[in-house]
Amino acid sequence: MPLAKDHKTSLIQKHGRSNADTGSPEVQVALLSGRIVQLTEHMKVHKKDYHSRRGLLLMVGQRRRLLDFVKKASEERYQKIVADLGLRR
């Protein structure tokens, strides 16, 4: 299930370099995190939904790769995005 349009635009405005910035790694990580939270809530109700579980694991892996890319490019940007999103690393 996709994110609501208003929630998505607020994430883009908060984490993007400009209002039209949708491709930077920070925005992609923020959008993935929003979808991960939403799908995690779905998985709490539907424990045997293995297809959604696979999608969730793929999204977590994609977010991990993007965070590794940001960390390699700039440690400061990595620390900021992790702090803003409340990720545990």
PDB file of N, CA and C in Angstrom:
ATOM      1  N   MET A   1       0.838  -1.174   0.000  1.00  0.00           N
ATOM      2  CA  MET A   1       0.000   0.000   0.000  1.00  0.00           C
ATOM      3  C   MET A   1       0.888   1.243   0.000  1.00  0.00           C
ATOM      4  N   PRO A   2       0.667   2.156  -0.918  1.00  0.00           N
ATOM      5  CA  PRO A   2       1.533   3.339  -0.999  1.00  0.00           C
ATOM      6  C   PRO A   2       1.254   4.331   0.125  1.00  0.00           C
ATOM      7  N   LEU A   3       2.203   5.221   0.323  1.00  0.00           N
ATOM      8  CA  LEU A   3       2.044   6.263   1.330  1.00  0.00           C
ATOM      9  C   LEU A   3       1.009   7.276   0.855  1.00  0.00           C
ATOM     10  N   ALA A   4       0.342   7.916   1.786  1.00  0.00           N
ATOM     11  CA  ALA A   4      -0.606   8.968   1.441  1.00  0.00           C
ATOM     12  C   ALA A   4       0.157  10.138   0.818  1.00  0.00           C
ATOM     13  N   LYS A   5      -0.499  10.823  -0.121  1.00  0.00           N
ATOM     14  CA  LYS A   5       0.179  11.868  -0.877  1.00  0.00           C
ATOM     15  C   LYS A   5       0.685  12.997   0.028  1.00  0.00           C
ATOM     16  N   ASP A   6      -0.120  13.418   0.990  1.00  0.00           N
ATOM     17  CA  ASP A   6       0.308  14.508   1.865  1.00  0.00           C
ATOM     18  C   ASP A   6       1.474  14.093   2.764  1.00  0.00           C
ATOM     19  N   HIS A   7       1.470  12.849   3.211  1.00  0.00           N
ATOM     20  CA  HIS A   7       2.578  12.341   4.030  1.00  0.00           C
ATOM     21  C   HIS A   7       3.856  12.257   3.195  1.00  0.00           C
ATOM     22  N   LYS A   8       3.706  11.817   1.968  1.00  0.00           N
ATOM     23  CA  LYS A   8       4.858  11.685   1.072  1.00  0.00           C
ATOM     24  C   LYS A   8       5.470  13.055   0.766  1.00  0.00           C
ATOM     25  N   THR A   9       4.625  14.048   0.467  1.00  0.00           N
ATOM     26  CA  THR A   9       5.157  15.378   0.163  1.00  0.00           C
ATOM     27  C   THR A   9       5.814  16.005   1.390  1.00  0.00           C
ATOM     28  N   SER A  10       5.284  15.734   2.586  1.00  0.00           N
ATOM     29  CA  SER A  10       5.918  16.290   3.783  1.00  0.00           C
ATOM     30  C   SER A  10       7.293  15.659   4.015  1.00  0.00           C
ATOM     31  N   LEU A  11       7.423  14.351   3.739  1.00  0.00           N
ATOM     32  CA  LEU A  11       8.732  13.701   3.867  1.00  0.00           C
ATOM     33  C   LEU A  11       9.725  14.276   2.856  1.00  0.00           C
ATOM     34  N   ILE A  12       9.255  14.525   1.639  1.00  0.00           N
ATOM     35  CA  ILE A  12      10.135  15.080   0.599  1.00  0.00           C
ATOM     36  C   ILE A  12      10.582  16.488   0.985  1.00  0.00           C
ATOM     37  N   GLN A  13       9.666  17.296   1.483  1.00  0.00           N
ATOM     38  CA  GLN A  13      10.021  18.659   1.882  1.00  0.00           C
ATOM     39  C   GLN A  13      10.974  18.672   3.078  1.00  0.00           C
ATOM     40  N   LYS A  14      10.785  17.744   3.998  1.00  0.00           N
ATOM     41  CA  LYS A  14      11.615  17.725   5.201  1.00  0.00           C
ATOM     42  C   LYS A  14      13.031  17.238   4.915  1.00  0.00           C
ATOM     43  N   HIS A  15      13.177  16.203   4.072  1.00  0.00           N
ATOM     44  CA  HIS A  15      14.482  15.583   3.882  1.00  0.00           C
ATOM     45  C   HIS A  15      15.152  15.945   2.560  1.00  0.00           C
ATOM     46  N   GLY A  16      14.421  16.565   1.647  1.00  0.00           N
ATOM     47  CA  GLY A  16      15.003  16.898   0.347  1.00  0.00           C
ATOM     48  C   GLY A  16      15.826  18.169   0.388  1.00  0.00           C
ATOM     49  N   ARG A  17      16.629  18.326  -0.627  1.00  0.00           N
ATOM     50  CA  ARG A  17      17.444  19.538  -0.731  1.00  0.00           C
ATOM     51  C   ARG A  17      16.608  20.695  -1.245  1.00  0.00           C
ATOM     52  N   SER A  18      15.548  20.384  -2.001  1.00  0.00           N
ATOM     53  CA  SER A  18      14.573  21.368  -2.457  1.00  0.00           C
ATOM     54  C   SER A  18      13.205  20.683  -2.466  1.00  0.00           C
ATOM     55  N   ASN A  19      12.155  21.437  -2.781  1.00  0.00           N
ATOM     56  CA  ASN A  19      10.820  20.849  -2.772  1.00  0.00           C
ATOM     57  C   ASN A  19      10.621  19.838  -3.893  1.00  0.00           C
ATOM     58  N   ALA A  20      11.380  19.968  -4.965  1.00  0.00           N
ATOM     59  CA  ALA A  20      11.243  19.058  -6.106  1.00  0.00           C
ATOM     60  C   ALA A  20      12.243  17.907  -6.053  1.00  0.00           C
ATOM     61  N   ASP A  21      13.046  17.829  -5.007  1.00  0.00           N
ATOM     62  CA  ASP A  21      14.077  16.798  -4.898  1.00  0.00           C
ATOM     63  C   ASP A  21      13.450  15.489  -4.420  1.00  0.00           C
ATOM     64  N   THR A  22      13.319  14.544  -5.340  1.00  0.00           N
ATOM     65  CA  THR A  22      12.764  13.241  -4.962  1.00  0.00           C
ATOM     66  C   THR A  22      13.771  12.125  -5.152  1.00  0.00           C
ATOM     67  N   GLY A  23      14.934  12.416  -5.678  1.00  0.00           N
ATOM     68  CA  GLY A  23      15.882  11.371  -6.011  1.00  0.00           C
ATOM     69  C   GLY A  23      17.083  11.265  -5.106  1.00  0.00           C
ATOM     70  N   SER A  24      17.272  12.214  -4.210  1.00  0.00           N
ATOM     71  CA  SER A  24      18.444  12.134  -3.349  1.00  0.00           C
ATOM     72  C   SER A  24      18.304  10.945  -2.403  1.00  0.00           C
ATOM     73  N   PRO A  25      19.419  10.370  -1.994  1.00  0.00           N
ATOM     74  CA  PRO A  25      19.357   9.198  -1.120  1.00  0.00           C
ATOM     75  C   PRO A  25      18.622   9.463   0.189  1.00  0.00           C
ATOM     76  N   GLU A  26      18.741  10.683   0.711  1.00  0.00           N
ATOM     77  CA  GLU A  26      18.063  11.000   1.962  1.00  0.00           C
ATOM     78  C   GLU A  26      16.547  10.902   1.808  1.00  0.00           C
ATOM     79  N   VAL A  27      16.028  11.401   0.701  1.00  0.00           N
ATOM     80  CA  VAL A  27      14.587  11.334   0.446  1.00  0.00           C
ATOM     81  C   VAL A  27      14.168   9.884   0.234  1.00  0.00           C
ATOM     82  N   GLN A  28      14.965   9.135  -0.510  1.00  0.00           N
ATOM     83  CA  GLN A  28      14.628   7.740  -0.753  1.00  0.00           C
ATOM     84  C   GLN A  28      14.606   6.946   0.552  1.00  0.00           C
ATOM     85  N   VAL A  29      15.556   7.205   1.442  1.00  0.00           N
ATOM     86  CA  VAL A  29      15.593   6.522   2.733  1.00  0.00           C
ATOM     87  C   VAL A  29      14.368   6.905   3.556  1.00  0.00           C
ATOM     88  N   ALA A  30      13.999   8.183   3.539  1.00  0.00           N
ATOM     89  CA  ALA A  30      12.835   8.637   4.312  1.00  0.00           C
ATOM     90  C   ALA A  30      11.555   7.990   3.788  1.00  0.00           C
ATOM     91  N   LEU A  31      11.391   7.918   2.473  1.00  0.00           N
ATOM     92  CA  LEU A  31      10.198   7.300   1.897  1.00  0.00           C
ATOM     93  C   LEU A  31      10.157   5.803   2.197  1.00  0.00           C
ATOM     94  N   LEU A  32      11.291   5.151   2.065  1.00  0.00           N
ATOM     95  CA  LEU A  32      11.339   3.724   2.403  1.00  0.00           C
ATOM     96  C   LEU A  32      11.024   3.495   3.876  1.00  0.00           C
ATOM     97  N   SER A  33      11.518   4.355   4.734  1.00  0.00           N
ATOM     98  CA  SER A  33      11.249   4.200   6.164  1.00  0.00           C
ATOM     99  C   SER A  33       9.758   4.352   6.455  1.00  0.00           C
ATOM    100  N   GLY A  34       9.114   5.283   5.774  1.00  0.00           N
ATOM    101  CA  GLY A  34       7.674   5.446   5.946  1.00  0.00           C
ATOM    102  C   GLY A  34       6.909   4.214   5.514  1.00  0.00           C
ATOM    103  N   ARG A  35       7.298   3.644   4.386  1.00  0.00           N
ATOM    104  CA  ARG A  35       6.642   2.434   3.900  1.00  0.00           C
ATOM    105  C   ARG A  35       6.934   1.244   4.808  1.00  0.00           C
ATOM    106  N   ILE A  36       8.147   1.179   5.344  1.00  0.00           N
ATOM    107  CA  ILE A  36       8.522   0.082   6.242  1.00  0.00           C
ATOM    108  C   ILE A  36       7.683   0.135   7.517  1.00  0.00           C
ATOM    109  N   VAL A  37       7.507   1.327   8.067  1.00  0.00           N
ATOM    110  CA  VAL A  37       6.692   1.471   9.278  1.00  0.00           C
ATOM    111  C   VAL A  37       5.255   1.043   8.997  1.00  0.00           C
ATOM    112  N   GLN A  38       4.729   1.474   7.857  1.00  0.00           N
ATOM    113  CA  GLN A  38       3.359   1.131   7.488  1.00  0.00           C
ATOM    114  C   GLN A  38       3.205  -0.384   7.311  1.00  0.00           C
ATOM    115  N   LEU A  39       4.147  -1.002   6.637  1.00  0.00           N
ATOM    116  CA  LEU A  39       4.067  -2.437   6.395  1.00  0.00           C
ATOM    117  C   LEU A  39       4.320  -3.239   7.671  1.00  0.00           C
ATOM    118  N   THR A  40       5.113  -2.705   8.589  1.00  0.00           N
ATOM    119  CA  THR A  40       5.335  -3.371   9.866  1.00  0.00           C
ATOM    120  C   THR A  40       4.037  -3.441  10.661  1.00  0.00           C
ATOM    121  N   GLU A  41       3.255  -2.368  10.621  1.00  0.00           N
ATOM    122  CA  GLU A  41       1.951  -2.374  11.293  1.00  0.00           C
ATOM    123  C   GLU A  41       1.026  -3.406  10.659  1.00  0.00           C
ATOM    124  N   HIS A  42       1.069  -3.518   9.342  1.00  0.00           N
ATOM    125  CA  HIS A  42       0.267  -4.521   8.641  1.00  0.00           C
ATOM    126  C   HIS A  42       0.676  -5.929   9.070  1.00  0.00           C
ATOM    127  N   MET A  43       1.972  -6.147   9.227  1.00  0.00           N
ATOM    128  CA  MET A  43       2.466  -7.476   9.579  1.00  0.00           C
ATOM    129  C   MET A  43       2.101  -7.858  11.013  1.00  0.00           C
ATOM    130  N   LYS A  44       1.895  -6.882  11.889  1.00  0.00           N
ATOM    131  CA  LYS A  44       1.472  -7.193  13.249  1.00  0.00           C
ATOM    132  C   LYS A  44       0.074  -7.803  13.267  1.00  0.00           C
ATOM    133  N   VAL A  45      -0.775  -7.377  12.331  1.00  0.00           N
ATOM    134  CA  VAL A  45      -2.137  -7.898  12.257  1.00  0.00           C
ATOM    135  C   VAL A  45      -2.182  -9.194  11.453  1.00  0.00           C
ATOM    136  N   HIS A  46      -1.469  -9.216  10.321  1.00  0.00           N
ATOM    137  CA  HIS A  46      -1.498 -10.349   9.399  1.00  0.00           C
ATOM    138  C   HIS A  46      -0.166 -11.092   9.469  1.00  0.00           C
ATOM    139  N   LYS A  47      -0.019 -11.926  10.471  1.00  0.00           N
ATOM    140  CA  LYS A  47       1.266 -12.577  10.732  1.00  0.00           C
ATOM    141  C   LYS A  47       1.673 -13.575   9.651  1.00  0.00           C
ATOM    142  N   LYS A  48       0.732 -14.162   8.947  1.00  0.00           N
ATOM    143  CA  LYS A  48       1.056 -15.186   7.953  1.00  0.00           C
ATOM    144  C   LYS A  48       1.100 -14.653   6.524  1.00  0.00           C
ATOM    145  N   ASP A  49       1.150 -13.358   6.362  1.00  0.00           N
ATOM    146  CA  ASP A  49       1.216 -12.752   5.029  1.00  0.00           C
ATOM    147  C   ASP A  49       2.675 -12.762   4.567  1.00  0.00           C
ATOM    148  N   TYR A  50       3.079 -13.882   4.006  1.00  0.00           N
ATOM    149  CA  TYR A  50       4.487 -14.075   3.656  1.00  0.00           C
ATOM    150  C   TYR A  50       4.909 -13.265   2.438  1.00  0.00           C
ATOM    151  N   HIS A  51       3.983 -12.955   1.550  1.00  0.00           N
ATOM    152  CA  HIS A  51       4.326 -12.137   0.384  1.00  0.00           C
ATOM    153  C   HIS A  51       4.670 -10.709   0.823  1.00  0.00           C
ATOM    154  N   SER A  52       3.893 -10.172   1.738  1.00  0.00           N
ATOM    155  CA  SER A  52       4.198  -8.835   2.250  1.00  0.00           C
ATOM    156  C   SER A  52       5.474  -8.854   3.082  1.00  0.00           C
ATOM    157  N   ARG A  53       5.722  -9.956   3.768  1.00  0.00           N
ATOM    158  CA  ARG A  53       6.949 -10.081   4.552  1.00  0.00           C
ATOM    159  C   ARG A  53       8.174 -10.015   3.653  1.00  0.00           C
ATOM    160  N   ARG A  54       8.101 -10.676   2.509  1.00  0.00           N
ATOM    161  CA  ARG A  54       9.214 -10.641   1.570  1.00  0.00           C
ATOM    162  C   ARG A  54       9.438  -9.213   1.065  1.00  0.00           C
ATOM    163  N   GLY A  55       8.338  -8.528   0.738  1.00  0.00           N
ATOM    164  CA  GLY A  55       8.454  -7.140   0.302  1.00  0.00           C
ATOM    165  C   GLY A  55       9.062  -6.261   1.370  1.00  0.00           C
ATOM    166  N   LEU A  56       8.688  -6.498   2.615  1.00  0.00           N
ATOM    167  CA  LEU A  56       9.236  -5.740   3.732  1.00  0.00           C
ATOM    168  C   LEU A  56      10.739  -5.969   3.853  1.00  0.00           C
ATOM    169  N   LEU A  57      11.152  -7.211   3.750  1.00  0.00           N
ATOM    170  CA  LEU A  57      12.583  -7.517   3.848  1.00  0.00           C
ATOM    171  C   LEU A  57      13.369  -6.909   2.691  1.00  0.00           C
ATOM    172  N   LEU A  58      12.780  -6.887   1.504  1.00  0.00           N
ATOM    173  CA  LEU A  58      13.447  -6.250   0.363  1.00  0.00           C
ATOM    174  C   LEU A  58      13.597  -4.743   0.591  1.00  0.00           C
ATOM    175  N   MET A  59      12.559  -4.118   1.149  1.00  0.00           N
ATOM    176  CA  MET A  59      12.633  -2.681   1.427  1.00  0.00           C
ATOM    177  C   MET A  59      13.687  -2.377   2.490  1.00  0.00           C
ATOM    178  N   VAL A  60      13.766  -3.208   3.519  1.00  0.00           N
ATOM    179  CA  VAL A  60      14.775  -3.009   4.569  1.00  0.00           C
ATOM    180  C   VAL A  60      16.177  -3.137   3.973  1.00  0.00           C
ATOM    181  N   GLY A  61      16.368  -4.104   3.088  1.00  0.00           N
ATOM    182  CA  GLY A  61      17.669  -4.265   2.434  1.00  0.00           C
ATOM    183  C   GLY A  61      18.021  -3.089   1.543  1.00  0.00           C
ATOM    184  N   GLN A  62      17.026  -2.574   0.816  1.00  0.00           N
ATOM    185  CA  GLN A  62      17.261  -1.411  -0.043  1.00  0.00           C
ATOM    186  C   GLN A  62      17.621  -0.191   0.795  1.00  0.00           C
ATOM    187  N   ARG A  63      16.933  -0.006   1.916  1.00  0.00           N
ATOM    188  CA  ARG A  63      17.239   1.121   2.800  1.00  0.00           C
ATOM    189  C   ARG A  63      18.642   0.990   3.371  1.00  0.00           C
ATOM    190  N   ARG A  64      19.035  -0.232   3.731  1.00  0.00           N
ATOM    191  CA  ARG A  64      20.371  -0.472   4.259  1.00  0.00           C
ATOM    192  C   ARG A  64      21.438  -0.108   3.221  1.00  0.00           C
ATOM    193  N   ARG A  65      21.209  -0.505   1.965  1.00  0.00           N
ATOM    194  CA  ARG A  65      22.172  -0.176   0.904  1.00  0.00           C
ATOM    195  C   ARG A  65      22.262   1.326   0.675  1.00  0.00           C
ATOM    196  N   LEU A  66      21.119   2.013   0.694  1.00  0.00           N
ATOM    197  CA  LEU A  66      21.136   3.464   0.521  1.00  0.00           C
ATOM    198  C   LEU A  66      21.851   4.150   1.684  1.00  0.00           C
ATOM    199  N   LEU A  67      21.618   3.673   2.904  1.00  0.00           N
ATOM    200  CA  LEU A  67      22.307   4.258   4.053  1.00  0.00           C
ATOM    201  C   LEU A  67      23.813   4.022   3.985  1.00  0.00           C
ATOM    202  N   ASP A  68      24.215   2.848   3.511  1.00  0.00           N
ATOM    203  CA  ASP A  68      25.646   2.583   3.343  1.00  0.00           C
ATOM    204  C   ASP A  68      26.256   3.529   2.314  1.00  0.00           C
ATOM    205  N   PHE A  69      25.504   3.807   1.245  1.00  0.00           N
ATOM    206  CA  PHE A  69      25.973   4.732   0.217  1.00  0.00           C
ATOM    207  C   PHE A  69      26.147   6.134   0.791  1.00  0.00           C
ATOM    208  N   VAL A  70      25.168   6.598   1.560  1.00  0.00           N
ATOM    209  CA  VAL A  70      25.245   7.937   2.157  1.00  0.00           C
ATOM    210  C   VAL A  70      26.404   8.004   3.141  1.00  0.00           C
ATOM    211  N   LYS A  71      26.605   6.948   3.915  1.00  0.00           N
ATOM    212  CA  LYS A  71      27.689   6.934   4.894  1.00  0.00           C
ATOM    213  C   LYS A  71      29.043   7.016   4.201  1.00  0.00           C
ATOM    214  N   LYS A  72      29.175   6.314   3.074  1.00  0.00           N
ATOM    215  CA  LYS A  72      30.429   6.345   2.340  1.00  0.00           C
ATOM    216  C   LYS A  72      30.661   7.730   1.731  1.00  0.00           C
ATOM    217  N   ALA A  73      29.594   8.388   1.294  1.00  0.00           N
ATOM    218  CA  ALA A  73      29.722   9.700   0.668  1.00  0.00           C
ATOM    219  C   ALA A  73      29.970  10.798   1.701  1.00  0.00           C
ATOM    220  N   SER A  74      29.202  10.783   2.798  1.00  0.00           N
ATOM    221  CA  SER A  74      29.332  11.838   3.796  1.00  0.00           C
ATOM    222  C   SER A  74      28.827  11.338   5.147  1.00  0.00           C
ATOM    223  N   GLU A  75      29.726  11.231   6.094  1.00  0.00           N
ATOM    224  CA  GLU A  75      29.369  10.767   7.439  1.00  0.00           C
ATOM    225  C   GLU A  75      28.382  11.725   8.111  1.00  0.00           C
ATOM    226  N   GLU A  76      28.532  13.017   7.845  1.00  0.00           N
ATOM    227  CA  GLU A  76      27.655  14.020   8.443  1.00  0.00           C
ATOM    228  C   GLU A  76      26.208  13.855   7.968  1.00  0.00           C
ATOM    229  N   ARG A  77      26.016  13.675   6.666  1.00  0.00           N
ATOM    230  CA  ARG A  77      24.667  13.460   6.126  1.00  0.00           C
ATOM    231  C   ARG A  77      24.068  12.170   6.668  1.00  0.00           C
ATOM    232  N   TYR A  78      24.901  11.138   6.826  1.00  0.00           N
ATOM    233  CA  TYR A  78      24.437   9.860   7.361  1.00  0.00           C
ATOM    234  C   TYR A  78      23.944  10.030   8.795  1.00  0.00           C
ATOM    235  N   GLN A  79      24.720  10.697   9.633  1.00  0.00           N
ATOM    236  CA  GLN A  79      24.322  10.899  11.024  1.00  0.00           C
ATOM    237  C   GLN A  79      23.029  11.710  11.119  1.00  0.00           C
ATOM    238  N   LYS A  80      22.878  12.701  10.235  1.00  0.00           N
ATOM    239  CA  LYS A  80      21.681  13.542  10.255  1.00  0.00           C
ATOM    240  C   LYS A  80      20.438  12.735   9.880  1.00  0.00           C
ATOM    241  N   ILE A  81      20.505  11.927   8.835  1.00  0.00           N
ATOM    242  CA  ILE A  81      19.339  11.180   8.393  1.00  0.00           C
ATOM    243  C   ILE A  81      18.971  10.105   9.419  1.00  0.00           C
ATOM    244  N   VAL A  82      19.964   9.469  10.027  1.00  0.00           N
ATOM    245  CA  VAL A  82      19.688   8.448  11.047  1.00  0.00           C
ATOM    246  C   VAL A  82      19.039   9.086  12.274  1.00  0.00           C
ATOM    247  N   ALA A  83      19.520  10.250  12.656  1.00  0.00           N
ATOM    248  CA  ALA A  83      18.936  10.941  13.816  1.00  0.00           C
ATOM    249  C   ALA A  83      17.520  11.422  13.513  1.00  0.00           C
ATOM    250  N   ASP A  84      17.310  11.970  12.318  1.00  0.00           N
ATOM    251  CA  ASP A  84      15.987  12.500  11.957  1.00  0.00           C
ATOM    252  C   ASP A  84      14.933  11.386  11.905  1.00  0.00           C
ATOM    253  N   LEU A  85      15.321  10.225  11.388  1.00  0.00           N
ATOM    254  CA  LEU A  85      14.352   9.145  11.226  1.00  0.00           C
ATOM    255  C   LEU A  85      14.276   8.234  12.452  1.00  0.00           C
ATOM    256  N   GLY A  86      15.197   8.414  13.380  1.00  0.00           N
ATOM    257  CA  GLY A  86      15.167   7.596  14.588  1.00  0.00           C
ATOM    258  C   GLY A  86      15.566   6.146  14.329  1.00  0.00           C
ATOM    259  N   LEU A  87      16.484   5.947  13.392  1.00  0.00           N
ATOM    260  CA  LEU A  87      16.972   4.604  13.114  1.00  0.00           C
ATOM    261  C   LEU A  87      18.007   4.219  14.157  1.00  0.00           C
ATOM    262  N   ARG A  88      18.213   2.951  14.350  1.00  0.00           N
ATOM    263  CA  ARG A  88      19.009   2.482  15.477  1.00  0.00           C
ATOM    264  C   ARG A  88      20.496   2.366  15.218  1.00  0.00           C
ATOM    265  N   ARG A  89      21.052   2.864  14.172  1.00  0.00           N
ATOM    266  CA  ARG A  89      22.468   2.649  13.967  1.00  0.00           C
ATOM    267  C   ARG A  89      23.290   3.819  14.348  1.00  0.00           C
TER     268      ARG A  89
END
